[in-house]
């Protein structure tokens, strides 16, 4: 599988994220949430290689939540998982139809929450104790800005979090990689992707945040790394404290 070999620099950044946030422990069973898109496919391939040289031994599986309710062609993912020797489960659920029936005002958030719940349940069924998602540095930066503008709080999702309601760890090993770096690596490795267009994703808050970050990066090239640094080093001394 030479064409699927990770570059050393990319592998190092993923390994550093895993080490920095203690994402994987000896004997863990990690289930990758496989959507067929660039991030999740890359994450699956990356973890399948990392576990070969990692001194920490862990099991690896993949699970897809088919939001079309069974109309999604998952054959490219089945082929990839078979090639990698990774157990794979597809869970059909009519999330798209539910969104239409409910006339959901926040379809992306609703879909993400439903998929997360279904994924957690099936990960446990598969014997997993950890779910891995493909969120990257761009996702973290966009989420921080969305929270800042929408709620007045500068925060993003956690690299690693314990989900008490599902008794499951959630990790994001691609946190230090930009979307651009992932796309370049996917192209070089010629990884198969599932082309899927969500009918509700034409204009979303995240799309607008992505455009804002892109515009900022043309004037401030280090903006993504600086926001990441800020998220990691928020100091209580920087807070404004009103006198009682």
C-alpha atoms as a PDB file:
ATOM      1  CA  UNK A   1       0.000   0.000   0.000  1.00  0.00           C
ATOM      2  CA  UNK A   2       2.800   2.364  -0.873  1.00  0.00           C
ATOM      3  CA  UNK A   3       0.493   4.922  -2.489  1.00  0.00           C
ATOM      4  CA  UNK A   4      -1.217   5.345   0.908  1.00  0.00           C
ATOM      5  CA  UNK A   5       1.981   6.142   2.825  1.00  0.00           C
ATOM      6  CA  UNK A   6       1.801   9.258   4.988  1.00  0.00           C
ATOM      7  CA  UNK A   7       4.383  11.989   4.624  1.00  0.00           C
ATOM      8  CA  UNK A   8       6.674  12.268   7.652  1.00  0.00           C
ATOM      9  CA  UNK A   9       5.707  15.872   8.431  1.00  0.00           C
ATOM     10  CA  UNK A  10       1.990  15.111   8.293  1.00  0.00           C
ATOM     11  CA  UNK A  11       2.393  11.987  10.388  1.00  0.00           C
ATOM     12  CA  UNK A  12       4.399  13.960  12.923  1.00  0.00           C
ATOM     13  CA  UNK A  13       1.657  16.558  13.358  1.00  0.00           C
ATOM     14  CA  UNK A  14      -1.004  13.907  13.870  1.00  0.00           C
ATOM     15  CA  UNK A  15       1.229  12.073  16.334  1.00  0.00           C
ATOM     16  CA  UNK A  16       1.879  15.306  18.221  1.00  0.00           C
ATOM     17  CA  UNK A  17      -1.849  16.030  18.557  1.00  0.00           C
ATOM     18  CA  UNK A  18      -2.456  12.504  19.839  1.00  0.00           C
ATOM     19  CA  UNK A  19       0.425  12.846  22.327  1.00  0.00           C
ATOM     20  CA  UNK A  20      -0.375  16.426  23.443  1.00  0.00           C
ATOM     21  CA  UNK A  21      -3.934  15.543  24.407  1.00  0.00           C
ATOM     22  CA  UNK A  22      -3.451  11.893  25.406  1.00  0.00           C
ATOM     23  CA  UNK A  23      -5.994  10.796  22.816  1.00  0.00           C
ATOM     24  CA  UNK A  24      -5.235   7.072  22.678  1.00  0.00           C
ATOM     25  CA  UNK A  25      -4.314   4.652  25.449  1.00  0.00           C
ATOM     26  CA  UNK A  26      -3.109   1.067  25.444  1.00  0.00           C
ATOM     27  CA  UNK A  27      -5.902  -1.333  24.526  1.00  0.00           C
ATOM     28  CA  UNK A  28      -8.339   1.304  23.251  1.00  0.00           C
ATOM     29  CA  UNK A  29     -10.738   0.484  20.441  1.00  0.00           C
ATOM     30  CA  UNK A  30     -11.018   3.556  18.216  1.00  0.00           C
ATOM     31  CA  UNK A  31     -13.998   3.841  15.846  1.00  0.00           C
ATOM     32  CA  UNK A  32     -13.572   6.408  13.071  1.00  0.00           C
ATOM     33  CA  UNK A  33     -16.721   8.264  12.038  1.00  0.00           C
ATOM     34  CA  UNK A  34     -16.391   7.747   8.294  1.00  0.00           C
ATOM     35  CA  UNK A  35     -18.466  10.172   6.212  1.00  0.00           C
ATOM     36  CA  UNK A  36     -16.623   9.494   2.967  1.00  0.00           C
ATOM     37  CA  UNK A  37     -15.359  13.088   2.801  1.00  0.00           C
ATOM     38  CA  UNK A  38     -11.749  14.193   2.716  1.00  0.00           C
ATOM     39  CA  UNK A  39     -11.162  14.557   6.455  1.00  0.00           C
ATOM     40  CA  UNK A  40     -12.658  11.282   7.660  1.00  0.00           C
ATOM     41  CA  UNK A  41     -11.095   9.225   4.853  1.00  0.00           C
ATOM     42  CA  UNK A  42      -7.702  10.751   5.536  1.00  0.00           C
ATOM     43  CA  UNK A  43      -8.110  10.203   9.273  1.00  0.00           C
ATOM     44  CA  UNK A  44      -8.900   6.520   8.775  1.00  0.00           C
ATOM     45  CA  UNK A  45      -5.868   5.937   6.561  1.00  0.00           C
ATOM     46  CA  UNK A  46      -3.623   7.951   8.881  1.00  0.00           C
ATOM     47  CA  UNK A  47      -4.668   6.052  12.016  1.00  0.00           C
ATOM     48  CA  UNK A  48      -4.308   2.710  10.228  1.00  0.00           C
ATOM     49  CA  UNK A  49      -0.656   3.584   9.600  1.00  0.00           C
ATOM     50  CA  UNK A  50       0.082   5.258  12.902  1.00  0.00           C
ATOM     51  CA  UNK A  51      -0.974   2.196  14.870  1.00  0.00           C
ATOM     52  CA  UNK A  52       1.695   0.161  13.044  1.00  0.00           C
ATOM     53  CA  UNK A  53       4.607   2.109  14.493  1.00  0.00           C
ATOM     54  CA  UNK A  54       2.974   3.432  17.664  1.00  0.00           C
ATOM     55  CA  UNK A  55       4.192   1.851  20.923  1.00  0.00           C
ATOM     56  CA  UNK A  56       0.590   2.222  22.131  1.00  0.00           C
ATOM     57  CA  UNK A  57      -1.433  -0.677  20.762  1.00  0.00           C
ATOM     58  CA  UNK A  58      -5.074  -0.050  19.885  1.00  0.00           C
ATOM     59  CA  UNK A  59      -7.827  -1.551  17.728  1.00  0.00           C
ATOM     60  CA  UNK A  60      -9.367   0.358  14.833  1.00  0.00           C
ATOM     61  CA  UNK A  61     -12.793   0.192  13.167  1.00  0.00           C
ATOM     62  CA  UNK A  62     -14.927   2.500  11.019  1.00  0.00           C
ATOM     63  CA  UNK A  63     -18.620   3.387  11.051  1.00  0.00           C
ATOM     64  CA  UNK A  64     -20.697   5.449   8.608  1.00  0.00           C
ATOM     65  CA  UNK A  65     -24.085   6.992   9.337  1.00  0.00           C
ATOM     66  CA  UNK A  66     -25.960   7.095   6.019  1.00  0.00           C
ATOM     67  CA  UNK A  67     -28.196  10.162   6.449  1.00  0.00           C
ATOM     68  CA  UNK A  68     -30.067   9.372   3.223  1.00  0.00           C
ATOM     69  CA  UNK A  69     -31.584   6.322   4.867  1.00  0.00           C
ATOM     70  CA  UNK A  70     -29.990   3.789   2.530  1.00  0.00           C
ATOM     71  CA  UNK A  71     -29.476   5.555  -0.814  1.00  0.00           C
ATOM     72  CA  UNK A  72     -25.808   6.345  -0.322  1.00  0.00           C
ATOM     73  CA  UNK A  73     -23.226   4.417  -2.371  1.00  0.00           C
ATOM     74  CA  UNK A  74     -20.691   3.305   0.233  1.00  0.00           C
ATOM     75  CA  UNK A  75     -18.810   0.890  -2.039  1.00  0.00           C
ATOM     76  CA  UNK A  76     -15.658   3.108  -2.157  1.00  0.00           C
ATOM     77  CA  UNK A  77     -15.527   3.056   1.647  1.00  0.00           C
ATOM     78  CA  UNK A  78     -16.139  -0.663   1.805  1.00  0.00           C
ATOM     79  CA  UNK A  79     -13.297  -1.220  -0.638  1.00  0.00           C
ATOM     80  CA  UNK A  80     -10.934   1.060   1.292  1.00  0.00           C
ATOM     81  CA  UNK A  81     -11.700  -0.566   4.646  1.00  0.00           C
ATOM     82  CA  UNK A  82     -11.263  -4.012   3.115  1.00  0.00           C
ATOM     83  CA  UNK A  83      -7.917  -2.926   1.692  1.00  0.00           C
ATOM     84  CA  UNK A  84      -6.841  -1.601   5.079  1.00  0.00           C
ATOM     85  CA  UNK A  85      -8.164  -4.655   6.924  1.00  0.00           C
ATOM     86  CA  UNK A  86     -10.455  -2.513   9.086  1.00  0.00           C
ATOM     87  CA  UNK A  87     -13.937  -3.652  10.221  1.00  0.00           C
ATOM     88  CA  UNK A  88     -16.635  -1.390   8.768  1.00  0.00           C
ATOM     89  CA  UNK A  89     -20.281  -0.784   9.663  1.00  0.00           C
ATOM     90  CA  UNK A  90     -22.881   1.284   7.747  1.00  0.00           C
ATOM     91  CA  UNK A  91     -25.917   2.554   9.672  1.00  0.00           C
ATOM     92  CA  UNK A  92     -28.754   3.916   7.473  1.00  0.00           C
ATOM     93  CA  UNK A  93     -30.919   6.587   9.092  1.00  0.00           C
ATOM     94  CA  UNK A  94     -33.341   8.973   7.291  1.00  0.00           C
ATOM     95  CA  UNK A  95     -31.930  12.171   8.801  1.00  0.00           C
ATOM     96  CA  UNK A  96     -32.475  14.160   5.584  1.00  0.00           C
ATOM     97  CA  UNK A  97     -36.163  13.225   5.557  1.00  0.00           C
ATOM     98  CA  UNK A  98     -36.541  14.085   9.234  1.00  0.00           C
ATOM     99  CA  UNK A  99     -35.043  17.530   8.603  1.00  0.00           C
ATOM    100  CA  UNK A 100     -37.524  18.152   5.777  1.00  0.00           C
ATOM    101  CA  UNK A 101     -40.511  16.983   7.823  1.00  0.00           C
ATOM    102  CA  UNK A 102     -39.510  19.121  10.791  1.00  0.00           C
ATOM    103  CA  UNK A 103     -38.594  22.058   8.528  1.00  0.00           C
ATOM    104  CA  UNK A 104     -35.543  22.303  10.733  1.00  0.00           C
ATOM    105  CA  UNK A 105     -34.178  25.844  10.996  1.00  0.00           C
ATOM    106  CA  UNK A 106     -30.656  24.677  11.869  1.00  0.00           C
ATOM    107  CA  UNK A 107     -30.236  21.574   9.682  1.00  0.00           C
ATOM    108  CA  UNK A 108     -26.453  21.317  10.023  1.00  0.00           C
ATOM    109  CA  UNK A 109     -26.509  21.403  13.816  1.00  0.00           C
ATOM    110  CA  UNK A 110     -29.458  19.003  13.968  1.00  0.00           C
ATOM    111  CA  UNK A 111     -27.798  16.572  11.557  1.00  0.00           C
ATOM    112  CA  UNK A 112     -24.465  16.697  13.386  1.00  0.00           C
ATOM    113  CA  UNK A 113     -26.105  15.972  16.752  1.00  0.00           C
ATOM    114  CA  UNK A 114     -28.144  13.080  15.376  1.00  0.00           C
ATOM    115  CA  UNK A 115     -25.165  11.548  13.584  1.00  0.00           C
ATOM    116  CA  UNK A 116     -23.055  11.897  16.723  1.00  0.00           C
ATOM    117  CA  UNK A 117     -25.617  10.081  18.840  1.00  0.00           C
ATOM    118  CA  UNK A 118     -26.054   7.265  16.323  1.00  0.00           C
ATOM    119  CA  UNK A 119     -22.301   6.952  15.850  1.00  0.00           C
ATOM    120  CA  UNK A 120     -21.676   6.755  19.600  1.00  0.00           C
ATOM    121  CA  UNK A 121     -24.299   4.031  20.007  1.00  0.00           C
ATOM    122  CA  UNK A 122     -22.935   1.893  17.202  1.00  0.00           C
ATOM    123  CA  UNK A 123     -19.336   2.459  18.230  1.00  0.00           C
ATOM    124  CA  UNK A 124     -20.211   0.874  21.560  1.00  0.00           C
ATOM    125  CA  UNK A 125     -22.000  -1.971  19.753  1.00  0.00           C
ATOM    126  CA  UNK A 126     -18.773  -2.555  17.823  1.00  0.00           C
ATOM    127  CA  UNK A 127     -16.803  -2.803  21.066  1.00  0.00           C
ATOM    128  CA  UNK A 128     -15.320   0.687  20.835  1.00  0.00           C
ATOM    129  CA  UNK A 129     -14.537   3.044  23.683  1.00  0.00           C
ATOM    130  CA  UNK A 130     -13.327   5.992  21.578  1.00  0.00           C
ATOM    131  CA  UNK A 131     -14.832   7.789  18.576  1.00  0.00           C
ATOM    132  CA  UNK A 132     -12.438   9.649  16.261  1.00  0.00           C
ATOM    133  CA  UNK A 133     -13.704  12.548  14.145  1.00  0.00           C
ATOM    134  CA  UNK A 134     -11.931  14.302  11.280  1.00  0.00           C
ATOM    135  CA  UNK A 135     -12.139  17.923  12.435  1.00  0.00           C
ATOM    136  CA  UNK A 136      -9.061  19.884  11.348  1.00  0.00           C
ATOM    137  CA  UNK A 137      -7.406  23.196  12.238  1.00  0.00           C
ATOM    138  CA  UNK A 138      -9.704  25.170   9.932  1.00  0.00           C
ATOM    139  CA  UNK A 139     -12.741  23.672  11.657  1.00  0.00           C
ATOM    140  CA  UNK A 140     -11.374  24.655  15.070  1.00  0.00           C
ATOM    141  CA  UNK A 141     -10.659  28.235  13.964  1.00  0.00           C
ATOM    142  CA  UNK A 142     -14.058  28.645  12.297  1.00  0.00           C
ATOM    143  CA  UNK A 143     -15.827  27.300  15.391  1.00  0.00           C
ATOM    144  CA  UNK A 144     -13.936  29.725  17.643  1.00  0.00           C
ATOM    145  CA  UNK A 145     -14.959  32.698  15.498  1.00  0.00           C
ATOM    146  CA  UNK A 146     -18.555  31.514  15.228  1.00  0.00           C
ATOM    147  CA  UNK A 147     -18.765  31.270  19.018  1.00  0.00           C
ATOM    148  CA  UNK A 148     -17.136  34.674  19.421  1.00  0.00           C
ATOM    149  CA  UNK A 149     -19.572  36.433  17.086  1.00  0.00           C
ATOM    150  CA  UNK A 150     -22.667  34.476  18.081  1.00  0.00           C
ATOM    151  CA  UNK A 151     -22.281  34.076  21.857  1.00  0.00           C
ATOM    152  CA  UNK A 152     -19.470  36.413  22.873  1.00  0.00           C
ATOM    153  CA  UNK A 153     -17.332  33.507  24.090  1.00  0.00           C
ATOM    154  CA  UNK A 154     -13.960  32.646  22.570  1.00  0.00           C
ATOM    155  CA  UNK A 155     -13.913  28.866  22.576  1.00  0.00           C
ATOM    156  CA  UNK A 156     -13.858  25.922  20.207  1.00  0.00           C
ATOM    157  CA  UNK A 157     -14.440  22.176  20.469  1.00  0.00           C
ATOM    158  CA  UNK A 158     -12.075  20.172  22.663  1.00  0.00           C
ATOM    159  CA  UNK A 159      -9.341  17.978  21.112  1.00  0.00           C
ATOM    160  CA  UNK A 160     -10.372  15.194  23.480  1.00  0.00           C
ATOM    161  CA  UNK A 161     -13.507  14.960  25.579  1.00  0.00           C
ATOM    162  CA  UNK A 162     -15.287  12.366  27.680  1.00  0.00           C
ATOM    163  CA  UNK A 163     -18.962  12.008  26.737  1.00  0.00           C
ATOM    164  CA  UNK A 164     -20.633  10.860  29.931  1.00  0.00           C
ATOM    165  CA  UNK A 165     -24.048  10.396  28.304  1.00  0.00           C
ATOM    166  CA  UNK A 166     -22.643   7.772  25.920  1.00  0.00           C
ATOM    167  CA  UNK A 167     -19.750   6.520  28.061  1.00  0.00           C
ATOM    168  CA  UNK A 168     -17.426   7.241  25.141  1.00  0.00           C
ATOM    169  CA  UNK A 169     -14.263   9.255  24.492  1.00  0.00           C
ATOM    170  CA  UNK A 170     -14.240  11.590  21.493  1.00  0.00           C
ATOM    171  CA  UNK A 171     -10.934  12.584  19.863  1.00  0.00           C
ATOM    172  CA  UNK A 172      -9.866  14.808  16.962  1.00  0.00           C
ATOM    173  CA  UNK A 173      -6.379  13.731  15.823  1.00  0.00           C
ATOM    174  CA  UNK A 174      -6.258  16.065  12.762  1.00  0.00           C
ATOM    175  CA  UNK A 175      -6.429  19.185  14.924  1.00  0.00           C
ATOM    176  CA  UNK A 176      -2.971  20.479  13.904  1.00  0.00           C
ATOM    177  CA  UNK A 177      -3.512  20.025  10.145  1.00  0.00           C
ATOM    178  CA  UNK A 178      -4.996  22.646   7.839  1.00  0.00           C
ATOM    179  CA  UNK A 179      -7.616  21.735   5.281  1.00  0.00           C
ATOM    180  CA  UNK A 180      -5.128  22.624   2.537  1.00  0.00           C
ATOM    181  CA  UNK A 181      -2.507  20.213   3.880  1.00  0.00           C
ATOM    182  CA  UNK A 182      -5.059  17.407   4.066  1.00  0.00           C
ATOM    183  CA  UNK A 183      -6.248  18.029   0.503  1.00  0.00           C
ATOM    184  CA  UNK A 184      -2.663  17.982  -0.776  1.00  0.00           C
ATOM    185  CA  UNK A 185      -1.957  14.710   1.010  1.00  0.00           C
ATOM    186  CA  UNK A 186      -5.166  13.121  -0.275  1.00  0.00           C
ATOM    187  CA  UNK A 187      -4.254  14.091  -3.827  1.00  0.00           C
ATOM    188  CA  UNK A 188      -0.731  12.720  -3.442  1.00  0.00           C
ATOM    189  CA  UNK A 189      -1.981   9.470  -1.919  1.00  0.00           C
ATOM    190  CA  UNK A 190      -4.871   9.175  -4.416  1.00  0.00           C
ATOM    191  CA  UNK A 191      -7.402   8.327  -1.752  1.00  0.00           C
ATOM    192  CA  UNK A 192     -10.991   7.494  -2.762  1.00  0.00           C
ATOM    193  CA  UNK A 193     -13.701   9.914  -1.620  1.00  0.00           C
ATOM    194  CA  UNK A 194     -17.480   9.646  -1.685  1.00  0.00           C
ATOM    195  CA  UNK A 195     -18.902  12.607  -3.568  1.00  0.00           C
ATOM    196  CA  UNK A 196     -21.968  13.691  -1.642  1.00  0.00           C
ATOM    197  CA  UNK A 197     -23.753  17.035  -1.776  1.00  0.00           C
ATOM    198  CA  UNK A 198     -25.903  17.870   1.218  1.00  0.00           C
ATOM    199  CA  UNK A 199     -29.142  19.580   0.101  1.00  0.00           C
ATOM    200  CA  UNK A 200     -29.037  21.844   3.157  1.00  0.00           C
ATOM    201  CA  UNK A 201     -25.449  23.119   2.923  1.00  0.00           C
ATOM    202  CA  UNK A 202     -25.656  25.843   0.274  1.00  0.00           C
ATOM    203  CA  UNK A 203     -25.525  28.735   2.733  1.00  0.00           C
ATOM    204  CA  UNK A 204     -24.626  28.077   6.349  1.00  0.00           C
ATOM    205  CA  UNK A 205     -23.058  29.961   9.215  1.00  0.00           C
ATOM    206  CA  UNK A 206     -19.957  27.774   8.884  1.00  0.00           C
ATOM    207  CA  UNK A 207     -19.677  28.625   5.192  1.00  0.00           C
ATOM    208  CA  UNK A 208     -19.653  32.304   6.086  1.00  0.00           C
ATOM    209  CA  UNK A 209     -17.054  31.689   8.815  1.00  0.00           C
ATOM    210  CA  UNK A 210     -14.879  29.812   6.319  1.00  0.00           C
ATOM    211  CA  UNK A 211     -15.032  32.751   3.919  1.00  0.00           C
ATOM    212  CA  UNK A 212     -14.107  35.145   6.726  1.00  0.00           C
ATOM    213  CA  UNK A 213     -11.077  33.068   7.759  1.00  0.00           C
ATOM    214  CA  UNK A 214      -9.968  32.851   4.125  1.00  0.00           C
ATOM    215  CA  UNK A 215     -10.174  36.631   3.819  1.00  0.00           C
ATOM    216  CA  UNK A 216      -8.279  37.172   7.071  1.00  0.00           C
ATOM    217  CA  UNK A 217      -5.541  34.761   5.981  1.00  0.00           C
ATOM    218  CA  UNK A 218      -4.762  36.873   2.907  1.00  0.00           C
ATOM    219  CA  UNK A 219      -3.851  39.762   5.207  1.00  0.00           C
ATOM    220  CA  UNK A 220      -2.646  37.831   8.255  1.00  0.00           C
ATOM    221  CA  UNK A 221      -0.995  34.604   7.020  1.00  0.00           C
ATOM    222  CA  UNK A 222      -0.522  33.215  10.539  1.00  0.00           C
ATOM    223  CA  UNK A 223      -4.102  33.838  11.683  1.00  0.00           C
ATOM    224  CA  UNK A 224      -5.016  30.129  11.995  1.00  0.00           C
ATOM    225  CA  UNK A 225      -1.938  29.238  14.024  1.00  0.00           C
ATOM    226  CA  UNK A 226      -2.401  32.345  16.182  1.00  0.00           C
ATOM    227  CA  UNK A 227      -6.002  31.449  16.977  1.00  0.00           C
ATOM    228  CA  UNK A 228      -4.887  27.892  17.809  1.00  0.00           C
ATOM    229  CA  UNK A 229      -2.231  29.343  20.110  1.00  0.00           C
ATOM    230  CA  UNK A 230      -4.827  31.569  21.765  1.00  0.00           C
ATOM    231  CA  UNK A 231      -7.133  28.598  22.367  1.00  0.00           C
ATOM    232  CA  UNK A 232      -4.262  26.705  24.013  1.00  0.00           C
ATOM    233  CA  UNK A 233      -2.939  29.561  26.120  1.00  0.00           C
ATOM    234  CA  UNK A 234      -5.901  31.594  27.353  1.00  0.00           C
ATOM    235  CA  UNK A 235      -4.612  33.173  30.554  1.00  0.00           C
ATOM    236  CA  UNK A 236      -6.831  34.182  33.445  1.00  0.00           C
ATOM    237  CA  UNK A 237      -4.715  37.335  33.830  1.00  0.00           C
ATOM    238  CA  UNK A 238      -5.990  38.532  30.441  1.00  0.00           C
ATOM    239  CA  UNK A 239      -9.596  38.553  31.579  1.00  0.00           C
ATOM    240  CA  UNK A 240     -11.300  41.818  32.490  1.00  0.00           C
ATOM    241  CA  UNK A 241     -12.378  41.542  36.095  1.00  0.00           C
ATOM    242  CA  UNK A 242     -15.049  43.946  37.279  1.00  0.00           C
ATOM    243  CA  UNK A 243     -14.778  45.128  40.874  1.00  0.00           C
ATOM    244  CA  UNK A 244     -17.490  43.843  43.208  1.00  0.00           C
END
